[in-house]
Amino acid sequence: MILTTTPNIEGRTIIEYKGVVFGEVIAGVNFVKDFGASIRNIIGGRSGSYESELVEARTQSLKELEERARTMGADAVVGVDIDYEVLGTNNGMLMVSASGTAVKLA
């Protein structure tokens, strides 16, 4: 399965558009990560715990996108876009949404 942000795939021909496909993940941030990030906010630096949570959520949303495209009979997803949002009280939840167009290649 090819996932790309471009509208086409060099050297390949799109023969069928299967439709728009999504992959969403909503991840909670626990107290320990939140506490560590608040310390980093005061003293400066990067929050490794938040960064790893973000990477994991992005990876899972792309995996879900790929699985949904596969069930549609697609060979690739073009025009992939990833969006991030914070949700919940005190912004304690992270939502990562990946979307694109599932296509069949020649």
PDB file of N, CA and C in Angstrom:
ATOM      1  N   MET A   1       0.858  -1.177   0.000  1.00  0.00           N
ATOM      2  CA  MET A   1       0.000   0.000   0.000  1.00  0.00           C
ATOM      3  C   MET A   1       0.896   1.229   0.000  1.00  0.00           C
ATOM      4  N   ILE A   2       0.663   2.104  -0.961  1.00  0.00           N
ATOM      5  CA  ILE A   2       1.408   3.349  -1.054  1.00  0.00           C
ATOM      6  C   ILE A   2       0.567   4.457  -0.430  1.00  0.00           C
ATOM      7  N   LEU A   3       1.143   5.208   0.489  1.00  0.00           N
ATOM      8  CA  LEU A   3       0.519   6.388   1.078  1.00  0.00           C
ATOM      9  C   LEU A   3       1.363   7.585   0.686  1.00  0.00           C
ATOM     10  N   THR A   4       0.737   8.604   0.091  1.00  0.00           N
ATOM     11  CA  THR A   4       1.501   9.763  -0.345  1.00  0.00           C
ATOM     12  C   THR A   4       0.684  11.045  -0.207  1.00  0.00           C
ATOM     13  N   THR A   5       1.385  12.131   0.030  1.00  0.00           N
ATOM     14  CA  THR A   5       0.721  13.433   0.112  1.00  0.00           C
ATOM     15  C   THR A   5       0.487  14.034  -1.267  1.00  0.00           C
ATOM     16  N   THR A   6       1.100  13.471  -2.287  1.00  0.00           N
ATOM     17  CA  THR A   6       0.959  13.993  -3.644  1.00  0.00           C
ATOM     18  C   THR A   6      -0.358  13.521  -4.269  1.00  0.00           C
ATOM     19  N   PRO A   7      -0.849  14.221  -5.303  1.00  0.00           N
ATOM     20  CA  PRO A   7      -2.119  13.838  -5.919  1.00  0.00           C
ATOM     21  C   PRO A   7      -2.007  12.653  -6.886  1.00  0.00           C
ATOM     22  N   ASN A   8      -0.787  12.234  -7.197  1.00  0.00           N
ATOM     23  CA  ASN A   8      -0.594  11.083  -8.079  1.00  0.00           C
ATOM     24  C   ASN A   8       0.689  10.378  -7.672  1.00  0.00           C
ATOM     25  N   ILE A   9       0.964   9.261  -8.339  1.00  0.00           N
ATOM     26  CA  ILE A   9       2.158   8.477  -8.041  1.00  0.00           C
ATOM     27  C   ILE A   9       2.970   8.371  -9.322  1.00  0.00           C
ATOM     28  N   GLU A  10       4.167   8.915  -9.276  1.00  0.00           N
ATOM     29  CA  GLU A  10       5.016   8.953 -10.466  1.00  0.00           C
ATOM     30  C   GLU A  10       5.224   7.547 -11.027  1.00  0.00           C
ATOM     31  N   GLY A  11       4.999   7.425 -12.328  1.00  0.00           N
ATOM     32  CA  GLY A  11       5.205   6.147 -12.998  1.00  0.00           C
ATOM     33  C   GLY A  11       4.031   5.190 -12.885  1.00  0.00           C
ATOM     34  N   ARG A  12       2.989   5.581 -12.186  1.00  0.00           N
ATOM     35  CA  ARG A  12       1.802   4.720 -12.029  1.00  0.00           C
ATOM     36  C   ARG A  12       0.568   5.483 -12.495  1.00  0.00           C
ATOM     37  N   THR A  13      -0.404   4.754 -12.990  1.00  0.00           N
ATOM     38  CA  THR A  13      -1.646   5.347 -13.467  1.00  0.00           C
ATOM     39  C   THR A  13      -2.782   4.974 -12.530  1.00  0.00           C
ATOM     40  N   ILE A  14      -3.536   5.980 -12.115  1.00  0.00           N
ATOM     41  CA  ILE A  14      -4.721   5.730 -11.299  1.00  0.00           C
ATOM     42  C   ILE A  14      -5.845   5.338 -12.252  1.00  0.00           C
ATOM     43  N   ILE A  15      -6.420   4.143 -12.031  1.00  0.00           N
ATOM     44  CA  ILE A  15      -7.485   3.679 -12.921  1.00  0.00           C
ATOM     45  C   ILE A  15      -8.865   3.765 -12.268  1.00  0.00           C
ATOM     46  N   GLU A  16      -8.885   3.936 -10.943  1.00  0.00           N
ATOM     47  CA  GLU A  16     -10.176   4.024 -10.264  1.00  0.00           C
ATOM     48  C   GLU A  16     -10.017   4.761  -8.940  1.00  0.00           C
ATOM     49  N   TYR A  17     -10.940   5.656  -8.674  1.00  0.00           N
ATOM     50  CA  TYR A  17     -10.993   6.344  -7.396  1.00  0.00           C
ATOM     51  C   TYR A  17     -12.018   5.626  -6.527  1.00  0.00           C
ATOM     52  N   LYS A  18     -11.570   5.078  -5.414  1.00  0.00           N
ATOM     53  CA  LYS A  18     -12.440   4.302  -4.531  1.00  0.00           C
ATOM     54  C   LYS A  18     -13.216   5.185  -3.563  1.00  0.00           C
ATOM     55  N   GLY A  19     -12.679   6.354  -3.248  1.00  0.00           N
ATOM     56  CA  GLY A  19     -13.362   7.271  -2.344  1.00  0.00           C
ATOM     57  C   GLY A  19     -12.450   7.812  -1.262  1.00  0.00           C
ATOM     58  N   VAL A  20     -12.983   8.756  -0.514  1.00  0.00           N
ATOM     59  CA  VAL A  20     -12.237   9.365   0.590  1.00  0.00           C
ATOM     60  C   VAL A  20     -12.181   8.372   1.737  1.00  0.00           C
ATOM     61  N   VAL A  21     -11.027   8.301   2.362  1.00  0.00           N
ATOM     62  CA  VAL A  21     -10.814   7.362   3.461  1.00  0.00           C
ATOM     63  C   VAL A  21     -10.178   8.111   4.627  1.00  0.00           C
ATOM     64  N   PHE A  22     -10.501   7.663   5.844  1.00  0.00           N
ATOM     65  CA  PHE A  22     -10.022   8.323   7.060  1.00  0.00           C
ATOM     66  C   PHE A  22      -9.416   7.311   8.021  1.00  0.00           C
ATOM     67  N   GLY A  23      -8.554   7.816   8.881  1.00  0.00           N
ATOM     68  CA  GLY A  23      -8.049   7.071  10.032  1.00  0.00           C
ATOM     69  C   GLY A  23      -7.969   8.038  11.190  1.00  0.00           C
ATOM     70  N   GLU A  24      -8.648   7.717  12.284  1.00  0.00           N
ATOM     71  CA  GLU A  24      -8.665   8.627  13.434  1.00  0.00           C
ATOM     72  C   GLU A  24      -8.206   7.909  14.697  1.00  0.00           C
ATOM     73  N   VAL A  25      -7.495   8.646  15.511  1.00  0.00           N
ATOM     74  CA  VAL A  25      -7.062   8.143  16.821  1.00  0.00           C
ATOM     75  C   VAL A  25      -7.264   9.254  17.837  1.00  0.00           C
ATOM     76  N   ILE A  26      -7.861   8.901  18.958  1.00  0.00           N
ATOM     77  CA  ILE A  26      -7.977   9.840  20.072  1.00  0.00           C
ATOM     78  C   ILE A  26      -7.233   9.218  21.243  1.00  0.00           C
ATOM     79  N   ALA A  27      -6.228   9.930  21.716  1.00  0.00           N
ATOM     80  CA  ALA A  27      -5.369   9.414  22.788  1.00  0.00           C
ATOM     81  C   ALA A  27      -5.469  10.316  24.006  1.00  0.00           C
ATOM     82  N   GLY A  28      -5.585   9.705  25.160  1.00  0.00           N
ATOM     83  CA  GLY A  28      -5.599  10.461  26.406  1.00  0.00           C
ATOM     84  C   GLY A  28      -4.181  10.672  26.900  1.00  0.00           C
ATOM     85  N   VAL A  29      -3.979  11.788  27.573  1.00  0.00           N
ATOM     86  CA  VAL A  29      -2.675  12.088  28.161  1.00  0.00           C
ATOM     87  C   VAL A  29      -2.811  11.872  29.660  1.00  0.00           C
ATOM     88  N   ASN A  30      -2.007  10.985  30.203  1.00  0.00           N
ATOM     89  CA  ASN A  30      -2.166  10.674  31.624  1.00  0.00           C
ATOM     90  C   ASN A  30      -1.482  11.696  32.529  1.00  0.00           C
ATOM     91  N   PHE A  31      -1.740  11.586  33.805  1.00  0.00           N
ATOM     92  CA  PHE A  31      -1.260  12.545  34.794  1.00  0.00           C
ATOM     93  C   PHE A  31       0.267  12.671  34.788  1.00  0.00           C
ATOM     94  N   VAL A  32       0.977  11.564  34.701  1.00  0.00           N
ATOM     95  CA  VAL A  32       2.444  11.597  34.766  1.00  0.00           C
ATOM     96  C   VAL A  32       3.014  12.381  33.584  1.00  0.00           C
ATOM     97  N   LYS A  33       2.493  12.112  32.373  1.00  0.00           N
ATOM     98  CA  LYS A  33       2.960  12.849  31.197  1.00  0.00           C
ATOM     99  C   LYS A  33       2.614  14.328  31.313  1.00  0.00           C
ATOM    100  N   ASP A  34       1.403  14.608  31.786  1.00  0.00           N
ATOM    101  CA  ASP A  34       0.962  15.988  31.933  1.00  0.00           C
ATOM    102  C   ASP A  34       1.828  16.730  32.950  1.00  0.00           C
ATOM    103  N   PHE A  35       2.144  16.089  34.052  1.00  0.00           N
ATOM    104  CA  PHE A  35       2.980  16.696  35.086  1.00  0.00           C
ATOM    105  C   PHE A  35       4.378  16.971  34.537  1.00  0.00           C
ATOM    106  N   GLY A  36       4.967  15.990  33.854  1.00  0.00           N
ATOM    107  CA  GLY A  36       6.302  16.171  33.268  1.00  0.00           C
ATOM    108  C   GLY A  36       6.330  17.292  32.248  1.00  0.00           C
ATOM    109  N   ALA A  37       5.274  17.389  31.443  1.00  0.00           N
ATOM    110  CA  ALA A  37       5.198  18.451  30.439  1.00  0.00           C
ATOM    111  C   ALA A  37       5.067  19.816  31.101  1.00  0.00           C
ATOM    112  N   SER A  38       4.338  19.886  32.216  1.00  0.00           N
ATOM    113  CA  SER A  38       4.187  21.177  32.893  1.00  0.00           C
ATOM    114  C   SER A  38       5.527  21.643  33.465  1.00  0.00           C
ATOM    115  N   ILE A  39       6.352  20.714  33.936  1.00  0.00           N
ATOM    116  CA  ILE A  39       7.700  21.058  34.415  1.00  0.00           C
ATOM    117  C   ILE A  39       8.530  21.596  33.243  1.00  0.00           C
ATOM    118  N   ARG A  40       8.457  20.912  32.088  1.00  0.00           N
ATOM    119  CA  ARG A  40       9.189  21.359  30.899  1.00  0.00           C
ATOM    120  C   ARG A  40       8.722  22.751  30.470  1.00  0.00           C
ATOM    121  N   ASN A  41       7.438  23.023  30.632  1.00  0.00           N
ATOM    122  CA  ASN A  41       6.887  24.323  30.271  1.00  0.00           C
ATOM    123  C   ASN A  41       7.513  25.426  31.125  1.00  0.00           C
ATOM    124  N   ILE A  42       7.796  25.119  32.368  1.00  0.00           N
ATOM    125  CA  ILE A  42       8.385  26.098  33.278  1.00  0.00           C
ATOM    126  C   ILE A  42       9.879  26.289  33.010  1.00  0.00           C
ATOM    127  N   ILE A  43      10.614  25.177  32.885  1.00  0.00           N
ATOM    128  CA  ILE A  43      12.076  25.270  32.762  1.00  0.00           C
ATOM    129  C   ILE A  43      12.564  25.277  31.313  1.00  0.00           C
ATOM    130  N   GLY A  44      11.688  24.973  30.382  1.00  0.00           N
ATOM    131  CA  GLY A  44      12.072  24.936  28.973  1.00  0.00           C
ATOM    132  C   GLY A  44      12.470  23.549  28.529  1.00  0.00           C
ATOM    133  N   GLY A  45      12.559  23.359  27.260  1.00  0.00           N
ATOM    134  CA  GLY A  45      12.954  22.071  26.696  1.00  0.00           C
ATOM    135  C   GLY A  45      11.788  21.357  26.050  1.00  0.00           C
ATOM    136  N   ARG A  46      12.098  20.208  25.486  1.00  0.00           N
ATOM    137  CA  ARG A  46      11.104  19.417  24.776  1.00  0.00           C
ATOM    138  C   ARG A  46      10.470  18.407  25.709  1.00  0.00           C
ATOM    139  N   SER A  47       9.223  18.085  25.436  1.00  0.00           N
ATOM    140  CA  SER A  47       8.514  17.083  26.224  1.00  0.00           C
ATOM    141  C   SER A  47       8.539  15.765  25.462  1.00  0.00           C
ATOM    142  N   GLY A  48       9.476  14.915  25.826  1.00  0.00           N
ATOM    143  CA  GLY A  48       9.621  13.619  25.166  1.00  0.00           C
ATOM    144  C   GLY A  48       8.385  12.748  25.298  1.00  0.00           C
ATOM    145  N   SER A  49       7.705  12.818  26.437  1.00  0.00           N
ATOM    146  CA  SER A  49       6.521  11.982  26.631  1.00  0.00           C
ATOM    147  C   SER A  49       5.393  12.407  25.707  1.00  0.00           C
ATOM    148  N   TYR A  50       5.182  13.715  25.553  1.00  0.00           N
ATOM    149  CA  TYR A  50       4.155  14.190  24.630  1.00  0.00           C
ATOM    150  C   TYR A  50       4.548  13.891  23.187  1.00  0.00           C
ATOM    151  N   GLU A  51       5.810  14.050  22.865  1.00  0.00           N
ATOM    152  CA  GLU A  51       6.259  13.784  21.503  1.00  0.00           C
ATOM    153  C   GLU A  51       6.053  12.319  21.140  1.00  0.00           C
ATOM    154  N   SER A  52       6.377  11.412  22.046  1.00  0.00           N
ATOM    155  CA  SER A  52       6.197   9.987  21.753  1.00  0.00           C
ATOM    156  C   SER A  52       4.711   9.650  21.626  1.00  0.00           C
ATOM    157  N   GLU A  53       3.859  10.295  22.419  1.00  0.00           N
ATOM    158  CA  GLU A  53       2.412  10.091  22.310  1.00  0.00           C
ATOM    159  C   GLU A  53       1.915  10.572  20.948  1.00  0.00           C
ATOM    160  N   LEU A  54       2.417  11.694  20.483  1.00  0.00           N
ATOM    161  CA  LEU A  54       2.038  12.244  19.186  1.00  0.00           C
ATOM    162  C   LEU A  54       2.486  11.323  18.051  1.00  0.00           C
ATOM    163  N   VAL A  55       3.708  10.831  18.116  1.00  0.00           N
ATOM    164  CA  VAL A  55       4.225   9.930  17.089  1.00  0.00           C
ATOM    165  C   VAL A  55       3.385   8.655  17.036  1.00  0.00           C
ATOM    166  N   GLU A  56       3.062   8.107  18.195  1.00  0.00           N
ATOM    167  CA  GLU A  56       2.261   6.876  18.256  1.00  0.00           C
ATOM    168  C   GLU A  56       0.865   7.105  17.679  1.00  0.00           C
ATOM    169  N   ALA A  57       0.229   8.216  18.028  1.00  0.00           N
ATOM    170  CA  ALA A  57      -1.114   8.517  17.512  1.00  0.00           C
ATOM    171  C   ALA A  57      -1.081   8.704  15.997  1.00  0.00           C
ATOM    172  N   ARG A  58      -0.068   9.385  15.487  1.00  0.00           N
ATOM    173  CA  ARG A  58       0.059   9.583  14.039  1.00  0.00           C
ATOM    174  C   ARG A  58       0.268   8.250  13.327  1.00  0.00           C
ATOM    175  N   THR A  59       1.137   7.414  13.864  1.00  0.00           N
ATOM    176  CA  THR A  59       1.400   6.098  13.281  1.00  0.00           C
ATOM    177  C   THR A  59       0.126   5.259  13.239  1.00  0.00           C
ATOM    178  N   GLN A  60      -0.625   5.258  14.326  1.00  0.00           N
ATOM    179  CA  GLN A  60      -1.863   4.479  14.386  1.00  0.00           C
ATOM    180  C   GLN A  60      -2.929   5.012  13.430  1.00  0.00           C
ATOM    181  N   SER A  61      -3.020   6.335  13.284  1.00  0.00           N
ATOM    182  CA  SER A  61      -4.028   6.894  12.367  1.00  0.00           C
ATOM    183  C   SER A  61      -3.695   6.531  10.920  1.00  0.00           C
ATOM    184  N   LEU A  62      -2.418   6.539  10.557  1.00  0.00           N
ATOM    185  CA  LEU A  62      -2.022   6.141   9.203  1.00  0.00           C
ATOM    186  C   LEU A  62      -2.260   4.653   8.976  1.00  0.00           C
ATOM    187  N   LYS A  63      -2.017   3.852  10.005  1.00  0.00           N
ATOM    188  CA  LYS A  63      -2.272   2.406   9.908  1.00  0.00           C
ATOM    189  C   LYS A  63      -3.765   2.147   9.697  1.00  0.00           C
ATOM    190  N   GLU A  64      -4.611   2.857  10.435  1.00  0.00           N
ATOM    191  CA  GLU A  64      -6.055   2.718  10.282  1.00  0.00           C
ATOM    192  C   GLU A  64      -6.503   3.166   8.892  1.00  0.00           C
ATOM    193  N   LEU A  65      -5.951   4.273   8.405  1.00  0.00           N
ATOM    194  CA  LEU A  65      -6.236   4.761   7.054  1.00  0.00           C
ATOM    195  C   LEU A  65      -5.909   3.690   6.023  1.00  0.00           C
ATOM    196  N   GLU A  66      -4.742   3.088   6.159  1.00  0.00           N
ATOM    197  CA  GLU A  66      -4.302   2.046   5.234  1.00  0.00           C
ATOM    198  C   GLU A  66      -5.223   0.831   5.273  1.00  0.00           C
ATOM    199  N   GLU A  67      -5.613   0.403   6.464  1.00  0.00           N
ATOM    200  CA  GLU A  67      -6.493  -0.751   6.599  1.00  0.00           C
ATOM    201  C   GLU A  67      -7.861  -0.488   5.963  1.00  0.00           C
ATOM    202  N   ARG A  68      -8.397   0.702   6.164  1.00  0.00           N
ATOM    203  CA  ARG A  68      -9.698   1.043   5.571  1.00  0.00           C
ATOM    204  C   ARG A  68      -9.603   1.120   4.052  1.00  0.00           C
ATOM    205  N   ALA A  69      -8.504   1.653   3.536  1.00  0.00           N
ATOM    206  CA  ALA A  69      -8.317   1.714   2.082  1.00  0.00           C
ATOM    207  C   ALA A  69      -8.215   0.305   1.500  1.00  0.00           C
ATOM    208  N   ARG A  70      -7.530  -0.576   2.195  1.00  0.00           N
ATOM    209  CA  ARG A  70      -7.370  -1.957   1.737  1.00  0.00           C
ATOM    210  C   ARG A  70      -8.736  -2.651   1.647  1.00  0.00           C
ATOM    211  N   THR A  71      -9.600  -2.416   2.623  1.00  0.00           N
ATOM    212  CA  THR A  71     -10.927  -3.047   2.591  1.00  0.00           C
ATOM    213  C   THR A  71     -11.780  -2.504   1.438  1.00  0.00           C
ATOM    214  N   MET A  72     -11.447  -1.328   0.936  1.00  0.00           N
ATOM    215  CA  MET A  72     -12.149  -0.747  -0.215  1.00  0.00           C
ATOM    216  C   MET A  72     -11.589  -1.285  -1.536  1.00  0.00           C
ATOM    217  N   GLY A  73     -10.514  -2.070  -1.470  1.00  0.00           N
ATOM    218  CA  GLY A  73      -9.884  -2.606  -2.673  1.00  0.00           C
ATOM    219  C   GLY A  73      -8.864  -1.678  -3.293  1.00  0.00           C
ATOM    220  N   ALA A  74      -8.339  -0.752  -2.507  1.00  0.00           N
ATOM    221  CA  ALA A  74      -7.372   0.223  -3.019  1.00  0.00           C
ATOM    222  C   ALA A  74      -5.943  -0.323  -2.971  1.00  0.00           C
ATOM    223  N   ASP A  75      -5.110   0.220  -3.860  1.00  0.00           N
ATOM    224  CA  ASP A  75      -3.673  -0.087  -3.879  1.00  0.00           C
ATOM    225  C   ASP A  75      -2.853   1.020  -3.245  1.00  0.00           C
ATOM    226  N   ALA A  76      -3.477   2.219  -3.152  1.00  0.00           N
ATOM    227  CA  ALA A  76      -2.747   3.383  -2.664  1.00  0.00           C
ATOM    228  C   ALA A  76      -3.731   4.409  -2.115  1.00  0.00           C
ATOM    229  N   VAL A  77      -3.190   5.358  -1.366  1.00  0.00           N
ATOM    230  CA  VAL A  77      -3.958   6.513  -0.906  1.00  0.00           C
ATOM    231  C   VAL A  77      -3.170   7.749  -1.288  1.00  0.00           C
ATOM    232  N   VAL A  78      -3.789   8.624  -2.071  1.00  0.00           N
ATOM    233  CA  VAL A  78      -3.132   9.851  -2.517  1.00  0.00           C
ATOM    234  C   VAL A  78      -3.728  11.045  -1.778  1.00  0.00           C
ATOM    235  N   GLY A  79      -2.975  12.140  -1.778  1.00  0.00           N
ATOM    236  CA  GLY A  79      -3.453  13.360  -1.141  1.00  0.00           C
ATOM    237  C   GLY A  79      -3.611  13.229   0.360  1.00  0.00           C
ATOM    238  N   VAL A  80      -2.749  12.445   0.995  1.00  0.00           N
ATOM    239  CA  VAL A  80      -2.853  12.224   2.441  1.00  0.00           C
ATOM    240  C   VAL A  80      -2.611  13.531   3.192  1.00  0.00           C
ATOM    241  N   ASP A  81      -3.491  13.798   4.154  1.00  0.00           N
ATOM    242  CA  ASP A  81      -3.392  14.980   5.009  1.00  0.00           C
ATOM    243  C   ASP A  81      -3.571  14.525   6.448  1.00  0.00           C
ATOM    244  N   ILE A  82      -2.793  15.089   7.352  1.00  0.00           N
ATOM    245  CA  ILE A  82      -2.882  14.741   8.772  1.00  0.00           C
ATOM    246  C   ILE A  82      -3.225  15.997   9.551  1.00  0.00           C
ATOM    247  N   ASP A  83      -4.248  15.884  10.393  1.00  0.00           N
ATOM    248  CA  ASP A  83      -4.685  16.997  11.225  1.00  0.00           C
ATOM    249  C   ASP A  83      -4.585  16.604  12.694  1.00  0.00           C
ATOM    250  N   TYR A  84      -4.313  17.603  13.532  1.00  0.00           N
ATOM    251  CA  TYR A  84      -4.176  17.407  14.963  1.00  0.00           C
ATOM    252  C   TYR A  84      -5.133  18.336  15.695  1.00  0.00           C
ATOM    253  N   GLU A  85      -5.776  17.832  16.746  1.00  0.00           N
ATOM    254  CA  GLU A  85      -6.667  18.637  17.578  1.00  0.00           C
ATOM    255  C   GLU A  85      -6.506  18.200  19.025  1.00  0.00           C
ATOM    256  N   VAL A  86      -6.771  19.111  19.940  1.00  0.00           N
ATOM    257  CA  VAL A  86      -6.855  18.748  21.353  1.00  0.00           C
ATOM    258  C   VAL A  86      -8.322  18.834  21.755  1.00  0.00           C
ATOM    259  N   LEU A  87      -8.750  17.892  22.577  1.00  0.00           N
ATOM    260  CA  LEU A  87     -10.146  17.772  22.962  1.00  0.00           C
ATOM    261  C   LEU A  87     -10.268  17.581  24.471  1.00  0.00           C
ATOM    262  N   GLY A  88     -11.493  17.662  24.947  1.00  0.00           N
ATOM    263  CA  GLY A  88     -11.800  17.325  26.329  1.00  0.00           C
ATOM    264  C   GLY A  88     -11.560  18.467  27.296  1.00  0.00           C
ATOM    265  N   THR A  89     -11.965  18.219  28.530  1.00  0.00           N
ATOM    266  CA  THR A  89     -11.733  19.226  29.569  1.00  0.00           C
ATOM    267  C   THR A  89     -10.246  19.370  29.792  1.00  0.00           C
ATOM    268  N   ASN A  90      -9.806  20.583  29.902  1.00  0.00           N
ATOM    269  CA  ASN A  90      -8.380  20.908  30.074  1.00  0.00           C
ATOM    270  C   ASN A  90      -7.522  20.382  28.928  1.00  0.00           C
ATOM    271  N   ASN A  91      -8.139  20.193  27.754  1.00  0.00           N
ATOM    272  CA  ASN A  91      -7.397  19.717  26.573  1.00  0.00           C
ATOM    273  C   ASN A  91      -6.589  18.455  26.853  1.00  0.00           C
ATOM    274  N   GLY A  92      -7.182  17.510  27.565  1.00  0.00           N
ATOM    275  CA  GLY A  92      -6.479  16.305  27.976  1.00  0.00           C
ATOM    276  C   GLY A  92      -6.466  15.180  26.970  1.00  0.00           C
ATOM    277  N   MET A  93      -7.062  15.391  25.791  1.00  0.00           N
ATOM    278  CA  MET A  93      -7.109  14.347  24.770  1.00  0.00           C
ATOM    279  C   MET A  93      -6.496  14.890  23.482  1.00  0.00           C
ATOM    280  N   LEU A  94      -5.791  14.039  22.784  1.00  0.00           N
ATOM    281  CA  LEU A  94      -5.172  14.387  21.505  1.00  0.00           C
ATOM    282  C   LEU A  94      -5.855  13.586  20.404  1.00  0.00           C
ATOM    283  N   MET A  95      -6.350  14.263  19.375  1.00  0.00           N
ATOM    284  CA  MET A  95      -6.945  13.578  18.234  1.00  0.00           C
ATOM    285  C   MET A  95      -6.053  13.796  17.017  1.00  0.00           C
ATOM    286  N   VAL A  96      -5.726  12.698  16.361  1.00  0.00           N
ATOM    287  CA  VAL A  96      -4.981  12.753  15.110  1.00  0.00           C
ATOM    288  C   VAL A  96      -5.856  12.110  14.043  1.00  0.00           C
ATOM    289  N   SER A  97      -6.090  12.843  12.969  1.00  0.00           N
ATOM    290  CA  SER A  97      -6.940  12.363  11.890  1.00  0.00           C
ATOM    291  C   SER A  97      -6.154  12.406  10.585  1.00  0.00           C
ATOM    292  N   ALA A  98      -6.100  11.270   9.900  1.00  0.00           N
ATOM    293  CA  ALA A  98      -5.455  11.182   8.596  1.00  0.00           C
ATOM    294  C   ALA A  98      -6.539  10.938   7.556  1.00  0.00           C
ATOM    295  N   SER A  99      -6.449  11.626   6.420  1.00  0.00           N
ATOM    296  CA  SER A  99      -7.427  11.442   5.359  1.00  0.00           C
ATOM    297  C   SER A  99      -6.729  11.464   4.002  1.00  0.00           C
ATOM    298  N   GLY A 100      -7.391  10.900   3.020  1.00  0.00           N
ATOM    299  CA  GLY A 100      -6.856  10.880   1.667  1.00  0.00           C
ATOM    300  C   GLY A 100      -7.848  10.221   0.739  1.00  0.00           C
ATOM    301  N   THR A 101      -7.458  10.035  -0.505  1.00  0.00           N
ATOM    302  CA  THR A 101      -8.305   9.384  -1.502  1.00  0.00           C
ATOM    303  C   THR A 101      -7.738   8.013  -1.817  1.00  0.00           C
ATOM    304  N   ALA A 102      -8.545   6.992  -1.579  1.00  0.00           N
ATOM    305  CA  ALA A 102      -8.155   5.622  -1.887  1.00  0.00           C
ATOM    306  C   ALA A 102      -8.297   5.406  -3.391  1.00  0.00           C
ATOM    307  N   VAL A 103      -7.258   4.826  -3.998  1.00  0.00           N
ATOM    308  CA  VAL A 103      -7.251   4.633  -5.451  1.00  0.00           C
ATOM    309  C   VAL A 103      -6.774   3.228  -5.819  1.00  0.00           C
ATOM    310  N   LYS A 104      -7.164   2.800  -7.016  1.00  0.00           N
ATOM    311  CA  LYS A 104      -6.681   1.555  -7.599  1.00  0.00           C
ATOM    312  C   LYS A 104      -5.703   1.926  -8.704  1.00  0.00           C
ATOM    313  N   LEU A 105      -4.547   1.281  -8.716  1.00  0.00           N
ATOM    314  CA  LEU A 105      -3.502   1.583  -9.692  1.00  0.00           C
ATOM    315  C   LEU A 105      -3.456   0.541 -10.800  1.00  0.00           C
ATOM    316  N   ALA A 106      -2.984   0.965 -11.971  1.00  0.00           N
ATOM    317  CA  ALA A 106      -2.820   0.040 -13.109  1.00  0.00           C
ATOM    318  C   ALA A 106      -1.617  -0.834 -12.867  1.00  0.00           C
TER     319      ALA A 106
END
